[in-house]
Amino acid sequence: MKTEFLNAGTPGHIERAAQILREGGLVGIPTETVYGLAANALDGKACARIFEAKGRPVDNPLIVHISDISQWDALVKEIPERARKLAEAYWPGPLTIILPKADCIPQEVSPGLETVSVRFPSHPVARAVISAAGIPLAAPSANLSGRPSPTTAEHVWHDLKGRIEAVLDGGECGVGVESTVVSLACDPPRLLRPGGITLEQLEAVLGHVEVDPAVTHPLAEGVKAASPGMKYKHYAPKVPVKIVEGSREAYIDFVNSHKKDKAAALCYDGDAAALEVPYICYGGENDPDCQARELFDALRHLDELDAEVVFARCPPPEGVGLAVYNRLIRAAGFEVIHID
């Protein structure tokens, strides 16, 4: 398959992307979180192609993207008042809300579930494509399944060239990790995936929000994934990653002690000068927003270090740091070394 490389700033290219989507094709599009692999959310056959192109397990749900809040009503059975208040607070933005699904939602979007995940992105190109296509778009991250999510069009091109109809370049993504996912199909509300909208921000509107155990631990055996990013190992480079928890000094001593083992480091900006192994930095120790923005690009670059193992520093699981922790612990296959 020939993959077209489109540019959102070129006249006619957004409409070309919309045309491909209306015809049942797949397009990598930018959002404020990561690039998404978009298809017509109301076309089961088109959505099935997403799983094929990514190599994605078919029981992993998709998120439906809209360009105007008025489109939400047709996708769900009803919108309770607490859902409207949450949308008023954080839409458009990096937040996905789960509610019982309407009959128009194909099985491929919500496999084995009675719910649907809906998001109203803030990225102007994403909204322009959805509006031009005239349909809601199902769009998981536009990467090969299990690999680090894409935050540039080049990442999408690298992973999916020849597998999809087009990639639409809209620049780098500003948030850098996938959207927060909260289920309002249960009481109390439940955080299923952390992201740019924090637990504290959710609770400012909803009151108490439970944090699903799968945010920081493997999904329990036999439990259906209600949200993307819950069930499988994700975001991983080819080189094995292990999280190292401890003080900065203990981390540096530990990593340097493994320099003869072809070790490398995924670290904060301030750690690099003290390390005696190859490294990739992903933001400052006290800057979780920057960590989130740079994490996936850093994970992709780890494979260039010719290392046999990567030891990663990881932020505490609070605020936006919870989203970074969630992605890193999955990239590491939940392998954590405690050194203090």
C-alpha atoms as a PDB file:
ATOM      1  CA  MET A   1       0.000   0.000   0.000  1.00  0.00           C
ATOM      2  CA  LYS A   2       1.240   3.480  -0.846  1.00  0.00           C
ATOM      3  CA  THR A   3       1.021   5.852   2.115  1.00  0.00           C
ATOM      4  CA  GLU A   4       0.513   9.541   1.370  1.00  0.00           C
ATOM      5  CA  PHE A   5       2.358  12.105   3.499  1.00  0.00           C
ATOM      6  CA  LEU A   6       0.082  15.119   3.931  1.00  0.00           C
ATOM      7  CA  ASN A   7       0.693  18.435   5.660  1.00  0.00           C
ATOM      8  CA  ALA A   8      -2.012  20.255   7.591  1.00  0.00           C
ATOM      9  CA  GLY A   9      -0.637  23.593   6.409  1.00  0.00           C
ATOM     10  CA  THR A  10      -0.947  22.716   2.718  1.00  0.00           C
ATOM     11  CA  PRO A  11      -4.250  23.747   1.085  1.00  0.00           C
ATOM     12  CA  GLY A  12      -6.451  20.754   0.376  1.00  0.00           C
ATOM     13  CA  HIS A  13      -4.561  18.264   2.539  1.00  0.00           C
ATOM     14  CA  ILE A  14      -7.029  18.280   5.449  1.00  0.00           C
ATOM     15  CA  GLU A  15      -9.865  17.682   2.994  1.00  0.00           C
ATOM     16  CA  ARG A  16      -7.839  14.882   1.382  1.00  0.00           C
ATOM     17  CA  ALA A  17      -7.446  13.230   4.791  1.00  0.00           C
ATOM     18  CA  ALA A  18     -11.186  13.631   5.379  1.00  0.00           C
ATOM     19  CA  GLN A  19     -11.968  12.059   2.007  1.00  0.00           C
ATOM     20  CA  ILE A  20      -9.828   9.005   2.809  1.00  0.00           C
ATOM     21  CA  LEU A  21     -11.628   8.610   6.138  1.00  0.00           C
ATOM     22  CA  ARG A  22     -15.085   8.887   4.564  1.00  0.00           C
ATOM     23  CA  GLU A  23     -14.085   6.161   2.105  1.00  0.00           C
ATOM     24  CA  GLY A  24     -13.114   3.740   4.878  1.00  0.00           C
ATOM     25  CA  GLY A  25      -9.361   4.442   4.930  1.00  0.00           C
ATOM     26  CA  LEU A  26      -6.936   5.042   7.784  1.00  0.00           C
ATOM     27  CA  VAL A  27      -5.075   8.299   8.469  1.00  0.00           C
ATOM     28  CA  GLY A  28      -2.537   9.162  11.152  1.00  0.00           C
ATOM     29  CA  ILE A  29      -3.649  12.525  12.571  1.00  0.00           C
ATOM     30  CA  PRO A  30      -2.232  14.836  15.254  1.00  0.00           C
ATOM     31  CA  THR A  31      -3.932  15.481  18.564  1.00  0.00           C
ATOM     32  CA  GLU A  32      -2.695  17.427  21.570  1.00  0.00           C
ATOM     33  CA  THR A  33      -1.817  14.120  23.308  1.00  0.00           C
ATOM     34  CA  VAL A  34      -0.238  11.797  20.681  1.00  0.00           C
ATOM     35  CA  TYR A  35      -0.861  11.064  17.015  1.00  0.00           C
ATOM     36  CA  GLY A  36      -3.944   8.914  16.494  1.00  0.00           C
ATOM     37  CA  LEU A  37      -4.690   6.317  13.835  1.00  0.00           C
ATOM     38  CA  ALA A  38      -8.108   7.479  12.695  1.00  0.00           C
ATOM     39  CA  ALA A  39     -10.970   5.640  11.020  1.00  0.00           C
ATOM     40  CA  ASN A  40     -14.722   6.197  10.689  1.00  0.00           C
ATOM     41  CA  ALA A  41     -15.968   5.302  14.171  1.00  0.00           C
ATOM     42  CA  LEU A  42     -19.375   4.229  12.810  1.00  0.00           C
ATOM     43  CA  ASP A  43     -17.886   1.809  10.256  1.00  0.00           C
ATOM     44  CA  GLY A  44     -16.995  -1.527  11.836  1.00  0.00           C
ATOM     45  CA  LYS A  45     -14.951  -2.660   8.836  1.00  0.00           C
ATOM     46  CA  ALA A  46     -12.864   0.525   8.867  1.00  0.00           C
ATOM     47  CA  CYS A  47     -12.273   0.177  12.612  1.00  0.00           C
ATOM     48  CA  ALA A  48     -11.245  -3.466  12.163  1.00  0.00           C
ATOM     49  CA  ARG A  49      -8.486  -2.241   9.840  1.00  0.00           C
ATOM     50  CA  ILE A  50      -7.010  -0.232  12.744  1.00  0.00           C
ATOM     51  CA  PHE A  51      -6.341  -3.456  14.637  1.00  0.00           C
ATOM     52  CA  GLU A  52      -4.814  -5.053  11.544  1.00  0.00           C
ATOM     53  CA  ALA A  53      -2.544  -2.103  10.740  1.00  0.00           C
ATOM     54  CA  LYS A  54      -1.265  -1.754  14.314  1.00  0.00           C
ATOM     55  CA  GLY A  55      -1.134  -5.449  15.168  1.00  0.00           C
ATOM     56  CA  ARG A  56      -3.434  -4.481  18.031  1.00  0.00           C
ATOM     57  CA  PRO A  57      -5.238  -7.123  20.124  1.00  0.00           C
ATOM     58  CA  VAL A  58      -8.906  -7.092  19.102  1.00  0.00           C
ATOM     59  CA  ASP A  59     -10.160  -6.906  22.703  1.00  0.00           C
ATOM     60  CA  ASN A  60      -8.470  -3.530  23.258  1.00  0.00           C
ATOM     61  CA  PRO A  61     -11.152  -0.783  23.034  1.00  0.00           C
ATOM     62  CA  LEU A  62     -10.924   2.312  20.838  1.00  0.00           C
ATOM     63  CA  ILE A  63     -11.658   5.941  21.719  1.00  0.00           C
ATOM     64  CA  VAL A  64     -14.152   7.918  19.623  1.00  0.00           C
ATOM     65  CA  HIS A  65     -13.161  11.524  18.833  1.00  0.00           C
ATOM     66  CA  ILE A  66     -15.622  14.340  18.141  1.00  0.00           C
ATOM     67  CA  SER A  67     -15.178  17.933  16.967  1.00  0.00           C
ATOM     68  CA  ASP A  68     -18.197  19.476  18.711  1.00  0.00           C
ATOM     69  CA  ILE A  69     -19.819  18.573  22.007  1.00  0.00           C
ATOM     70  CA  SER A  70     -23.212  18.332  20.291  1.00  0.00           C
ATOM     71  CA  GLN A  71     -21.999  15.119  18.579  1.00  0.00           C
ATOM     72  CA  TRP A  72     -21.695  13.352  21.937  1.00  0.00           C
ATOM     73  CA  ASP A  73     -25.412  12.719  22.440  1.00  0.00           C
ATOM     74  CA  ALA A  74     -25.705  10.371  19.446  1.00  0.00           C
ATOM     75  CA  LEU A  75     -22.874   8.133  20.699  1.00  0.00           C
ATOM     76  CA  VAL A  76     -24.142   7.340  24.200  1.00  0.00           C
ATOM     77  CA  LYS A  77     -27.440   6.294  25.771  1.00  0.00           C
ATOM     78  CA  GLU A  78     -27.582   9.359  28.000  1.00  0.00           C
ATOM     79  CA  ILE A  79     -25.323  12.039  29.410  1.00  0.00           C
ATOM     80  CA  PRO A  80     -25.727  12.464  33.178  1.00  0.00           C
ATOM     81  CA  GLU A  81     -25.258  15.842  34.811  1.00  0.00           C
ATOM     82  CA  ARG A  82     -21.878  14.942  36.290  1.00  0.00           C
ATOM     83  CA  ALA A  83     -20.614  14.058  32.800  1.00  0.00           C
ATOM     84  CA  ARG A  84     -21.762  17.416  31.427  1.00  0.00           C
ATOM     85  CA  LYS A  85     -20.026  19.237  34.294  1.00  0.00           C
ATOM     86  CA  LEU A  86     -16.807  17.342  33.626  1.00  0.00           C
ATOM     87  CA  ALA A  87     -16.991  18.130  29.912  1.00  0.00           C
ATOM     88  CA  GLU A  88     -17.655  21.796  30.640  1.00  0.00           C
ATOM     89  CA  ALA A  89     -14.536  21.892  32.815  1.00  0.00           C
ATOM     90  CA  TYR A  90     -12.045  20.046  30.586  1.00  0.00           C
ATOM     91  CA  TRP A  91     -13.363  19.711  27.015  1.00  0.00           C
ATOM     92  CA  PRO A  92     -11.930  20.275  24.533  1.00  0.00           C
ATOM     93  CA  GLY A  93      -8.814  18.696  25.994  1.00  0.00           C
ATOM     94  CA  PRO A  94      -6.923  15.514  26.915  1.00  0.00           C
ATOM     95  CA  LEU A  95      -9.828  13.787  28.652  1.00  0.00           C
ATOM     96  CA  THR A  96     -11.829  10.702  27.635  1.00  0.00           C
ATOM     97  CA  ILE A  97     -15.199  10.005  29.283  1.00  0.00           C
ATOM     98  CA  ILE A  98     -16.760   6.523  29.333  1.00  0.00           C
ATOM     99  CA  LEU A  99     -20.554   6.107  29.346  1.00  0.00           C
ATOM    100  CA  PRO A 100     -23.032   3.406  28.233  1.00  0.00           C
ATOM    101  CA  LYS A 101     -22.913   3.242  24.434  1.00  0.00           C
ATOM    102  CA  ALA A 102     -25.609   3.962  21.861  1.00  0.00           C
ATOM    103  CA  ASP A 103     -26.642   1.320  19.311  1.00  0.00           C
ATOM    104  CA  CYS A 104     -24.651   3.045  16.554  1.00  0.00           C
ATOM    105  CA  ILE A 105     -21.299   2.078  18.114  1.00  0.00           C
ATOM    106  CA  PRO A 106     -19.826  -0.944  16.293  1.00  0.00           C
ATOM    107  CA  GLN A 107     -18.579  -3.970  18.199  1.00  0.00           C
ATOM    108  CA  GLU A 108     -15.082  -3.259  16.888  1.00  0.00           C
ATOM    109  CA  VAL A 109     -14.974   0.031  18.838  1.00  0.00           C
ATOM    110  CA  SER A 110     -16.060  -1.399  22.204  1.00  0.00           C
ATOM    111  CA  PRO A 111     -15.346  -5.138  21.998  1.00  0.00           C
ATOM    112  CA  GLY A 112     -17.371  -7.043  24.571  1.00  0.00           C
ATOM    113  CA  LEU A 113     -18.346  -3.849  26.388  1.00  0.00           C
ATOM    114  CA  GLU A 114     -21.611  -1.988  26.931  1.00  0.00           C
ATOM    115  CA  THR A 115     -19.768   1.321  27.090  1.00  0.00           C
ATOM    116  CA  VAL A 116     -17.977   3.697  24.740  1.00  0.00           C
ATOM    117  CA  SER A 117     -15.034   6.046  25.317  1.00  0.00           C
ATOM    118  CA  VAL A 118     -15.467   9.545  23.854  1.00  0.00           C
ATOM    119  CA  ARG A 119     -13.030  12.449  23.622  1.00  0.00           C
ATOM    120  CA  PHE A 120     -13.259  16.027  22.320  1.00  0.00           C
ATOM    121  CA  PRO A 121      -9.657  16.938  21.417  1.00  0.00           C
ATOM    122  CA  SER A 122      -8.362  20.489  21.587  1.00  0.00           C
ATOM    123  CA  HIS A 123      -5.886  20.169  18.707  1.00  0.00           C
ATOM    124  CA  PRO A 124      -7.154  22.389  15.859  1.00  0.00           C
ATOM    125  CA  VAL A 125      -6.014  19.979  13.129  1.00  0.00           C
ATOM    126  CA  ALA A 126      -7.755  16.999  14.747  1.00  0.00           C
ATOM    127  CA  ARG A 127     -10.973  18.995  15.032  1.00  0.00           C
ATOM    128  CA  ALA A 128     -10.656  20.266  11.464  1.00  0.00           C
ATOM    129  CA  VAL A 129     -10.281  16.723  10.110  1.00  0.00           C
ATOM    130  CA  ILE A 130     -13.256  15.425  12.099  1.00  0.00           C
ATOM    131  CA  SER A 131     -15.393  18.351  10.924  1.00  0.00           C
ATOM    132  CA  ALA A 132     -14.308  17.973   7.304  1.00  0.00           C
ATOM    133  CA  ALA A 133     -14.987  14.234   7.362  1.00  0.00           C
ATOM    134  CA  GLY A 134     -18.417  14.779   8.897  1.00  0.00           C
ATOM    135  CA  ILE A 135     -18.098  11.655  11.070  1.00  0.00           C
ATOM    136  CA  PRO A 136     -16.744  10.817  14.521  1.00  0.00           C
ATOM    137  CA  LEU A 137     -13.332   9.154  14.359  1.00  0.00           C
ATOM    138  CA  ALA A 138     -12.054   6.153  16.289  1.00  0.00           C
ATOM    139  CA  ALA A 139      -8.368   6.763  16.922  1.00  0.00           C
ATOM    140  CA  PRO A 140      -5.933   4.845  19.131  1.00  0.00           C
ATOM    141  CA  SER A 141      -2.271   5.857  19.070  1.00  0.00           C
ATOM    142  CA  ALA A 142      -0.780   5.630  15.561  1.00  0.00           C
ATOM    143  CA  ASN A 143       2.045   3.219  16.324  1.00  0.00           C
ATOM    144  CA  LEU A 144       2.722  -0.489  16.061  1.00  0.00           C
ATOM    145  CA  SER A 145       1.062  -2.154  19.039  1.00  0.00           C
ATOM    146  CA  GLY A 146       3.261  -2.269  22.119  1.00  0.00           C
ATOM    147  CA  ARG A 147       5.765   0.295  20.833  1.00  0.00           C
ATOM    148  CA  PRO A 148       6.164   3.850  22.179  1.00  0.00           C
ATOM    149  CA  SER A 149       3.307   6.100  21.108  1.00  0.00           C
ATOM    150  CA  PRO A 150       4.018   8.681  18.368  1.00  0.00           C
ATOM    151  CA  THR A 151       4.326  12.373  19.119  1.00  0.00           C
ATOM    152  CA  THR A 152       5.437  13.428  15.614  1.00  0.00           C
ATOM    153  CA  ALA A 153       4.303  12.578  12.100  1.00  0.00           C
ATOM    154  CA  GLU A 154       7.738  11.051  11.486  1.00  0.00           C
ATOM    155  CA  HIS A 155       7.107   8.528  14.267  1.00  0.00           C
ATOM    156  CA  VAL A 156       3.871   7.474  12.546  1.00  0.00           C
ATOM    157  CA  TRP A 157       5.593   7.254   9.158  1.00  0.00           C
ATOM    158  CA  HIS A 158       8.323   5.058  10.633  1.00  0.00           C
ATOM    159  CA  ASP A 159       5.847   2.609  12.189  1.00  0.00           C
ATOM    160  CA  LEU A 160       2.976   2.499   9.704  1.00  0.00           C
ATOM    161  CA  LYS A 161       4.260   3.450   6.240  1.00  0.00           C
ATOM    162  CA  GLY A 162       2.798   0.947   3.792  1.00  0.00           C
ATOM    163  CA  ARG A 163       0.089  -0.139   6.272  1.00  0.00           C
ATOM    164  CA  ILE A 164      -2.250   2.890   6.089  1.00  0.00           C
ATOM    165  CA  GLU A 165      -3.493   5.334   3.462  1.00  0.00           C
ATOM    166  CA  ALA A 166      -2.027   8.572   4.830  1.00  0.00           C
ATOM    167  CA  VAL A 167      -0.208  10.472   7.570  1.00  0.00           C
ATOM    168  CA  LEU A 168      -1.203  14.089   8.225  1.00  0.00           C
ATOM    169  CA  ASP A 169       1.609  16.191   9.689  1.00  0.00           C
ATOM    170  CA  GLY A 170       0.404  18.742  12.212  1.00  0.00           C
ATOM    171  CA  GLY A 171       3.604  19.280  14.188  1.00  0.00           C
ATOM    172  CA  GLU A 172       4.673  17.895  17.552  1.00  0.00           C
ATOM    173  CA  CYS A 173       2.103  16.982  20.191  1.00  0.00           C
ATOM    174  CA  GLY A 174       1.955  19.302  23.190  1.00  0.00           C
ATOM    175  CA  VAL A 175       0.879  16.952  26.008  1.00  0.00           C
ATOM    176  CA  GLY A 176       2.883  13.909  24.956  1.00  0.00           C
ATOM    177  CA  VAL A 177       0.959  11.103  26.700  1.00  0.00           C
ATOM    178  CA  GLU A 178      -2.468   9.737  25.854  1.00  0.00           C
ATOM    179  CA  SER A 179      -5.625  11.229  27.340  1.00  0.00           C
ATOM    180  CA  THR A 180      -6.900  10.689  30.848  1.00  0.00           C
ATOM    181  CA  VAL A 181      -9.688   8.077  30.793  1.00  0.00           C
ATOM    182  CA  VAL A 182     -12.412   8.184  33.451  1.00  0.00           C
ATOM    183  CA  SER A 183     -15.459   5.927  33.577  1.00  0.00           C
ATOM    184  CA  LEU A 184     -18.770   7.487  34.587  1.00  0.00           C
ATOM    185  CA  ALA A 185     -20.563   4.209  33.881  1.00  0.00           C
ATOM    186  CA  CYS A 186     -19.956   3.259  37.524  1.00  0.00           C
ATOM    187  CA  ASP A 187     -20.323   4.837  40.932  1.00  0.00           C
ATOM    188  CA  PRO A 188     -18.046   6.246  42.187  1.00  0.00           C
ATOM    189  CA  PRO A 189     -16.291   7.368  38.999  1.00  0.00           C
ATOM    190  CA  ARG A 190     -13.149   5.414  38.194  1.00  0.00           C
ATOM    191  CA  LEU A 191      -9.831   6.579  36.747  1.00  0.00           C
ATOM    192  CA  LEU A 192      -8.748   3.928  34.230  1.00  0.00           C
ATOM    193  CA  ARG A 193      -5.800   5.711  32.622  1.00  0.00           C
ATOM    194  CA  PRO A 194      -4.020   8.834  33.919  1.00  0.00           C
ATOM    195  CA  GLY A 195      -3.046  11.625  31.541  1.00  0.00           C
ATOM    196  CA  GLY A 196      -2.836  15.386  31.209  1.00  0.00           C
ATOM    197  CA  ILE A 197      -6.003  15.913  33.286  1.00  0.00           C
ATOM    198  CA  THR A 198      -4.953  14.813  36.752  1.00  0.00           C
ATOM    199  CA  LEU A 199      -6.816  12.856  39.411  1.00  0.00           C
ATOM    200  CA  GLU A 200      -6.967  16.032  41.476  1.00  0.00           C
ATOM    201  CA  GLN A 201      -8.616  17.917  38.597  1.00  0.00           C
ATOM    202  CA  LEU A 202     -11.185  15.152  38.160  1.00  0.00           C
ATOM    203  CA  GLU A 203     -12.018  15.185  41.859  1.00  0.00           C
ATOM    204  CA  ALA A 204     -12.439  18.967  41.815  1.00  0.00           C
ATOM    205  CA  VAL A 205     -15.534  18.363  39.651  1.00  0.00           C
ATOM    206  CA  LEU A 206     -16.676  14.841  40.557  1.00  0.00           C
ATOM    207  CA  GLY A 207     -15.747  14.436  44.203  1.00  0.00           C
ATOM    208  CA  HIS A 208     -14.154  11.111  45.079  1.00  0.00           C
ATOM    209  CA  VAL A 209     -12.727   9.200  42.106  1.00  0.00           C
ATOM    210  CA  GLU A 210     -11.444   5.643  42.517  1.00  0.00           C
ATOM    211  CA  VAL A 211      -8.132   4.772  40.889  1.00  0.00           C
ATOM    212  CA  ASP A 212      -8.338   1.430  39.115  1.00  0.00           C
ATOM    213  CA  PRO A 213      -5.637  -0.980  40.340  1.00  0.00           C
ATOM    214  CA  ALA A 214      -4.560  -1.480  36.698  1.00  0.00           C
ATOM    215  CA  VAL A 215      -3.207   2.087  36.655  1.00  0.00           C
ATOM    216  CA  THR A 216      -0.114   0.919  38.555  1.00  0.00           C
ATOM    217  CA  HIS A 217      -0.374  -2.893  38.406  1.00  0.00           C
ATOM    218  CA  PRO A 218      -1.101  -5.542  35.765  1.00  0.00           C
ATOM    219  CA  LEU A 219      -4.782  -6.049  34.942  1.00  0.00           C
ATOM    220  CA  ALA A 220      -6.169  -8.952  36.953  1.00  0.00           C
ATOM    221  CA  GLU A 221      -6.547 -12.191  35.022  1.00  0.00           C
ATOM    222  CA  GLY A 222      -9.981 -12.600  33.423  1.00  0.00           C
ATOM    223  CA  VAL A 223     -10.911  -8.903  33.750  1.00  0.00           C
ATOM    224  CA  LYS A 224     -11.991  -7.124  30.553  1.00  0.00           C
ATOM    225  CA  ALA A 225     -10.092  -3.971  29.629  1.00  0.00           C
ATOM    226  CA  ALA A 226     -12.592  -1.093  29.857  1.00  0.00           C
ATOM    227  CA  SER A 227     -10.079   1.371  28.435  1.00  0.00           C
ATOM    228  CA  PRO A 228      -7.060   1.371  26.146  1.00  0.00           C
ATOM    229  CA  GLY A 229      -3.739   1.002  27.937  1.00  0.00           C
ATOM    230  CA  MET A 230      -4.986  -1.300  30.717  1.00  0.00           C
ATOM    231  CA  LYS A 231      -4.279  -4.862  29.666  1.00  0.00           C
ATOM    232  CA  TYR A 232      -1.068  -5.242  27.691  1.00  0.00           C
ATOM    233  CA  LYS A 233       2.570  -4.266  27.850  1.00  0.00           C
ATOM    234  CA  HIS A 234       2.772  -0.916  26.088  1.00  0.00           C
ATOM    235  CA  TYR A 235       5.144   1.828  25.042  1.00  0.00           C
ATOM    236  CA  ALA A 236       8.216  -0.417  25.090  1.00  0.00           C
ATOM    237  CA  PRO A 237      11.408   0.032  23.086  1.00  0.00           C
ATOM    238  CA  LYS A 238      13.168  -3.093  21.838  1.00  0.00           C
ATOM    239  CA  VAL A 239      15.800  -2.911  24.599  1.00  0.00           C
ATOM    240  CA  PRO A 240      14.526  -4.091  28.024  1.00  0.00           C
ATOM    241  CA  VAL A 241      13.687  -1.303  30.462  1.00  0.00           C
ATOM    242  CA  LYS A 242      13.792  -1.617  34.244  1.00  0.00           C
ATOM    243  CA  ILE A 243      12.597   1.088  36.625  1.00  0.00           C
ATOM    244  CA  VAL A 244      14.957   1.940  39.466  1.00  0.00           C
ATOM    245  CA  GLU A 245      13.328   3.497  42.526  1.00  0.00           C
ATOM    246  CA  GLY A 246      15.538   5.295  45.008  1.00  0.00           C
ATOM    247  CA  SER A 247      17.337   8.557  45.615  1.00  0.00           C
ATOM    248  CA  ARG A 248      19.222  10.312  42.824  1.00  0.00           C
ATOM    249  CA  GLU A 249      22.549   9.379  44.367  1.00  0.00           C
ATOM    250  CA  ALA A 250      21.586   5.722  44.781  1.00  0.00           C
ATOM    251  CA  TYR A 251      20.298   5.603  41.194  1.00  0.00           C
ATOM    252  CA  ILE A 252      23.513   7.045  39.762  1.00  0.00           C
ATOM    253  CA  ASP A 253      25.686   4.664  41.810  1.00  0.00           C
ATOM    254  CA  PHE A 254      23.538   1.700  40.764  1.00  0.00           C
ATOM    255  CA  VAL A 255      23.605   2.549  37.051  1.00  0.00           C
ATOM    256  CA  ASN A 256      27.337   3.280  37.017  1.00  0.00           C
ATOM    257  CA  SER A 257      27.996  -0.055  38.719  1.00  0.00           C
ATOM    258  CA  HIS A 258      26.457  -1.758  35.652  1.00  0.00           C
ATOM    259  CA  LYS A 259      28.497   0.033  32.999  1.00  0.00           C
ATOM    260  CA  LYS A 260      30.327  -3.199  32.125  1.00  0.00           C
ATOM    261  CA  ASP A 261      26.952  -4.851  31.452  1.00  0.00           C
ATOM    262  CA  LYS A 262      26.183  -2.593  28.462  1.00  0.00           C
ATOM    263  CA  ALA A 263      23.680  -0.679  30.551  1.00  0.00           C
ATOM    264  CA  ALA A 264      22.154   2.659  29.589  1.00  0.00           C
ATOM    265  CA  ALA A 265      20.049   5.187  31.455  1.00  0.00           C
ATOM    266  CA  LEU A 266      16.697   6.888  30.918  1.00  0.00           C
ATOM    267  CA  CYS A 267      17.149   9.788  33.285  1.00  0.00           C
ATOM    268  CA  TYR A 268      16.386  13.386  34.171  1.00  0.00           C
ATOM    269  CA  ASP A 269      18.310  16.302  32.706  1.00  0.00           C
ATOM    270  CA  GLY A 270      20.272  16.872  35.913  1.00  0.00           C
ATOM    271  CA  ASP A 271      21.532  13.290  36.122  1.00  0.00           C
ATOM    272  CA  ALA A 272      23.503  13.133  32.882  1.00  0.00           C
ATOM    273  CA  ALA A 273      26.786  14.703  34.018  1.00  0.00           C
ATOM    274  CA  ALA A 274      27.245  12.092  36.770  1.00  0.00           C
ATOM    275  CA  LEU A 275      26.539   9.021  34.630  1.00  0.00           C
ATOM    276  CA  GLU A 276      29.238   6.811  33.136  1.00  0.00           C
ATOM    277  CA  VAL A 277      26.923   4.996  30.705  1.00  0.00           C
ATOM    278  CA  PRO A 278      25.015   6.109  27.572  1.00  0.00           C
ATOM    279  CA  TYR A 279      21.826   7.947  28.441  1.00  0.00           C
ATOM    280  CA  ILE A 280      18.687   9.609  27.152  1.00  0.00           C
ATOM    281  CA  CYS A 281      17.122  12.424  29.198  1.00  0.00           C
ATOM    282  CA  TYR A 282      13.404  13.127  29.334  1.00  0.00           C
ATOM    283  CA  GLY A 283      12.950  16.392  31.209  1.00  0.00           C
ATOM    284  CA  GLY A 284      13.736  17.816  34.608  1.00  0.00           C
ATOM    285  CA  GLU A 285      13.214  15.947  37.861  1.00  0.00           C
ATOM    286  CA  ASN A 286      10.608  18.433  39.068  1.00  0.00           C
ATOM    287  CA  ASP A 287       8.912  19.040  35.703  1.00  0.00           C
ATOM    288  CA  PRO A 288       6.372  16.246  35.078  1.00  0.00           C
ATOM    289  CA  ASP A 289       4.754  18.164  32.212  1.00  0.00           C
ATOM    290  CA  CYS A 290       8.063  18.142  30.347  1.00  0.00           C
ATOM    291  CA  GLN A 291       8.617  14.496  31.259  1.00  0.00           C
ATOM    292  CA  ALA A 292       5.239  13.609  29.746  1.00  0.00           C
ATOM    293  CA  ARG A 293       5.947  15.632  26.612  1.00  0.00           C
ATOM    294  CA  GLU A 294       9.368  14.055  26.029  1.00  0.00           C
ATOM    295  CA  LEU A 295       8.855  10.486  27.310  1.00  0.00           C
ATOM    296  CA  PHE A 296       7.778   8.646  24.156  1.00  0.00           C
ATOM    297  CA  ASP A 297      10.397  10.272  21.956  1.00  0.00           C
ATOM    298  CA  ALA A 298      13.024   9.335  24.550  1.00  0.00           C
ATOM    299  CA  LEU A 299      11.803   5.725  24.653  1.00  0.00           C
ATOM    300  CA  ARG A 300      12.139   5.522  20.873  1.00  0.00           C
ATOM    301  CA  HIS A 301      15.722   6.812  20.991  1.00  0.00           C
ATOM    302  CA  LEU A 302      16.783   4.196  23.551  1.00  0.00           C
ATOM    303  CA  ASP A 303      17.137   1.615  20.792  1.00  0.00           C
ATOM    304  CA  GLU A 304      19.902   3.731  19.248  1.00  0.00           C
ATOM    305  CA  LEU A 305      22.193   3.304  22.287  1.00  0.00           C
ATOM    306  CA  ASP A 306      23.251  -0.294  21.585  1.00  0.00           C
ATOM    307  CA  ALA A 307      22.498  -1.219  25.195  1.00  0.00           C
ATOM    308  CA  GLU A 308      21.406  -4.545  26.624  1.00  0.00           C
ATOM    309  CA  VAL A 309      19.375  -3.023  29.463  1.00  0.00           C
ATOM    310  CA  VAL A 310      18.085   0.453  30.328  1.00  0.00           C
ATOM    311  CA  PHE A 311      17.639   1.622  33.910  1.00  0.00           C
ATOM    312  CA  ALA A 312      14.985   4.332  34.190  1.00  0.00           C
ATOM    313  CA  ARG A 313      14.274   6.961  36.799  1.00  0.00           C
ATOM    314  CA  CYS A 314      10.583   7.399  37.383  1.00  0.00           C
ATOM    315  CA  PRO A 315       8.568  10.228  38.997  1.00  0.00           C
ATOM    316  CA  PRO A 316       6.324   9.686  42.013  1.00  0.00           C
ATOM    317  CA  PRO A 317       2.788   8.634  40.995  1.00  0.00           C
ATOM    318  CA  GLU A 318       1.016  11.924  41.666  1.00  0.00           C
ATOM    319  CA  GLY A 319      -0.342  14.726  39.469  1.00  0.00           C
ATOM    320  CA  VAL A 320       0.849  14.438  35.863  1.00  0.00           C
ATOM    321  CA  GLY A 321       3.631  12.254  37.277  1.00  0.00           C
ATOM    322  CA  LEU A 322       1.044   9.476  37.677  1.00  0.00           C
ATOM    323  CA  ALA A 323       0.618   9.430  33.884  1.00  0.00           C
ATOM    324  CA  VAL A 324       4.390   9.238  33.362  1.00  0.00           C
ATOM    325  CA  TYR A 325       4.679   6.494  35.998  1.00  0.00           C
ATOM    326  CA  ASN A 326       1.844   4.545  34.349  1.00  0.00           C
ATOM    327  CA  ARG A 327       3.530   4.626  30.919  1.00  0.00           C
ATOM    328  CA  LEU A 328       6.985   3.779  32.235  1.00  0.00           C
ATOM    329  CA  ILE A 329       5.889   0.884  34.411  1.00  0.00           C
ATOM    330  CA  ARG A 330       4.157  -0.665  31.399  1.00  0.00           C
ATOM    331  CA  ALA A 331       7.168  -0.059  29.187  1.00  0.00           C
ATOM    332  CA  ALA A 332       9.174  -1.924  31.835  1.00  0.00           C
ATOM    333  CA  GLY A 333       6.710  -4.808  32.019  1.00  0.00           C
ATOM    334  CA  PHE A 334       6.162  -3.878  35.694  1.00  0.00           C
ATOM    335  CA  GLU A 335       9.802  -4.684  36.579  1.00  0.00           C
ATOM    336  CA  VAL A 336      10.923  -2.345  39.376  1.00  0.00           C
ATOM    337  CA  ILE A 337      14.211  -2.412  41.288  1.00  0.00           C
ATOM    338  CA  HIS A 338      14.073  -0.850  44.762  1.00  0.00           C
ATOM    339  CA  ILE A 339      17.526   0.309  45.861  1.00  0.00           C
ATOM    340  CA  ASP A 340      16.951   2.466  48.948  1.00  0.00           C
END
